[in-house]
C-alpha atoms as a PDB file:
ATOM      1  CA  MET A   1      11.544  -2.277  -0.597  1.00  0.00           C
ATOM      2  CA  GLU A   2       8.595  -3.953   1.078  1.00  0.00           C
ATOM      3  CA  VAL A   3       5.934  -1.479   2.217  1.00  0.00           C
ATOM      4  CA  ARG A   4       4.166  -2.767   5.330  1.00  0.00           C
ATOM      5  CA  THR A   5       0.943  -1.759   7.113  1.00  0.00           C
ATOM      6  CA  GLU A   6       1.069  -0.416  10.624  1.00  0.00           C
ATOM      7  CA  ILE A   7      -2.438  -1.500  11.601  1.00  0.00           C
ATOM      8  CA  THR A   8      -4.968  -4.261  11.165  1.00  0.00           C
ATOM      9  CA  ALA A   9      -7.602  -3.060   8.729  1.00  0.00           C
ATOM     10  CA  ASN A  10      -9.608  -3.729   5.545  1.00  0.00           C
ATOM     11  CA  VAL A  11      -8.174  -2.655   2.161  1.00  0.00           C
ATOM     12  CA  TRP A  12     -10.635  -0.073   0.831  1.00  0.00           C
ATOM     13  CA  GLN A  13      -8.799   1.009  -2.357  1.00  0.00           C
ATOM     14  CA  VAL A  14      -5.670   0.134  -4.291  1.00  0.00           C
ATOM     15  CA  ARG A  15      -4.467   3.355  -5.912  1.00  0.00           C
ATOM     16  CA  VAL A  16      -1.482   2.140  -8.001  1.00  0.00           C
ATOM     17  CA  GLU A  17      -0.734  -0.672 -10.523  1.00  0.00           C
ATOM     18  CA  VAL A  18       2.218  -2.971 -10.957  1.00  0.00           C
ATOM     19  CA  GLY A  19       4.792  -1.121 -13.217  1.00  0.00           C
ATOM     20  CA  GLU A  20       3.722   2.325 -12.109  1.00  0.00           C
ATOM     21  CA  GLN A  21       6.284   4.896 -11.158  1.00  0.00           C
ATOM     22  CA  VAL A  22       5.798   6.407  -7.750  1.00  0.00           C
ATOM     23  CA  GLU A  23       7.375   9.187  -5.752  1.00  0.00           C
ATOM     24  CA  VAL A  24       7.882   9.524  -1.951  1.00  0.00           C
ATOM     25  CA  GLY A  25       4.437  10.098  -0.501  1.00  0.00           C
ATOM     26  CA  THR A  26       2.377   8.548  -3.324  1.00  0.00           C
ATOM     27  CA  GLU A  27      -0.701   6.831  -1.924  1.00  0.00           C
ATOM     28  CA  LEU A  28      -0.363   3.137  -2.633  1.00  0.00           C
ATOM     29  CA  VAL A  29      -3.515   1.841  -0.888  1.00  0.00           C
ATOM     30  CA  VAL A  30      -6.198   3.214   1.373  1.00  0.00           C
ATOM     31  CA  LEU A  31      -7.173   1.152   4.412  1.00  0.00           C
ATOM     32  CA  GLU A  32     -10.424   1.379   6.310  1.00  0.00           C
ATOM     33  CA  SER A  33     -10.609   0.810  10.059  1.00  0.00           C
ATOM     34  CA  MET A  34     -13.455   1.901  12.367  1.00  0.00           C
ATOM     35  CA  LYS A  35     -14.940   4.048   9.585  1.00  0.00           C
ATOM     36  CA  MET A  36     -11.603   5.941   9.171  1.00  0.00           C
ATOM     37  CA  GLU A  37      -9.614   6.054   5.897  1.00  0.00           C
ATOM     38  CA  ILE A  38      -5.902   5.494   6.397  1.00  0.00           C
ATOM     39  CA  PRO A  39      -3.544   6.039   3.453  1.00  0.00           C
ATOM     40  CA  VAL A  40      -0.434   3.922   3.098  1.00  0.00           C
ATOM     41  CA  GLU A  41       2.179   6.009   1.249  1.00  0.00           C
ATOM     42  CA  SER A  42       5.320   5.083  -0.572  1.00  0.00           C
ATOM     43  CA  PRO A  43       8.434   5.718   1.604  1.00  0.00           C
ATOM     44  CA  VAL A  44      10.665   5.735  -1.514  1.00  0.00           C
ATOM     45  CA  ALA A  45      10.645   6.727  -5.211  1.00  0.00           C
ATOM     46  CA  GLY A  46      10.620   3.893  -7.692  1.00  0.00           C
ATOM     47  CA  THR A  47       8.557   1.364  -9.596  1.00  0.00           C
ATOM     48  CA  VAL A  48       5.761  -0.798  -8.082  1.00  0.00           C
ATOM     49  CA  SER A  49       6.913  -4.367  -8.710  1.00  0.00           C
ATOM     50  CA  GLU A  50       4.289  -6.185  -6.680  1.00  0.00           C
ATOM     51  CA  LEU A  51       0.925  -5.526  -5.110  1.00  0.00           C
ATOM     52  CA  ARG A  52       0.063  -8.039  -2.372  1.00  0.00           C
ATOM     53  CA  VAL A  53      -3.421  -6.772  -1.455  1.00  0.00           C
ATOM     54  CA  GLN A  54      -6.744  -6.263  -3.126  1.00  0.00           C
ATOM     55  CA  PRO A  55      -9.910  -4.319  -2.231  1.00  0.00           C
ATOM     56  CA  ASP A  56     -11.975  -5.827   0.646  1.00  0.00           C
ATOM     57  CA  GLN A  57      -9.055  -7.890   1.897  1.00  0.00           C
ATOM     58  CA  GLN A  58      -8.472  -8.052   5.683  1.00  0.00           C
ATOM     59  CA  ILE A  59      -4.815  -7.333   6.484  1.00  0.00           C
ATOM     60  CA  HIS A  60      -2.863  -7.294   9.739  1.00  0.00           C
ATOM     61  CA  GLU A  61      -0.166  -5.138  11.263  1.00  0.00           C
ATOM     62  CA  GLY A  62       3.157  -5.828   9.547  1.00  0.00           C
ATOM     63  CA  ASP A  63       1.637  -7.335   6.353  1.00  0.00           C
ATOM     64  CA  VAL A  64       3.357  -6.373   3.125  1.00  0.00           C
ATOM     65  CA  VAL A  65       1.008  -4.288   0.897  1.00  0.00           C
ATOM     66  CA  ALA A  66       3.369  -3.566  -1.965  1.00  0.00           C
ATOM     67  CA  VAL A  67       6.998  -3.967  -3.135  1.00  0.00           C
ATOM     68  CA  ILE A  68       8.764  -1.073  -4.727  1.00  0.00           C
ATOM     69  CA  ASP A  69      12.002  -1.249  -6.658  1.00  0.00           C
ATOM     70  CA  GLU A  70      13.839   1.951  -5.797  1.00  0.00           C
ATOM     71  CA  ALA A  71      14.834   4.309  -8.524  1.00  0.00           C
END
C-alpha cells in the first residue's frame, strides 16, 4: 500500500526504517508546514518496504512517502 501525503510540506523526521514492522497508527514521518508538525501515520499493519522521502525534503500533496506490505 502506498502511503501518500495530504499536504505540501517539508519532511522534518523519518520515524521508521525499511523492514520495520508497523501497526495501524504508527507514525511513519513527521512533516513541517508553517511551524506545525503533522504526523503521517500508517493506515495498515505490515512491513515498510520502501521509504521515498528523507529529512529536509520538500514534498507535495499526493506524493508517496512510504510503501507498506500489508500483514
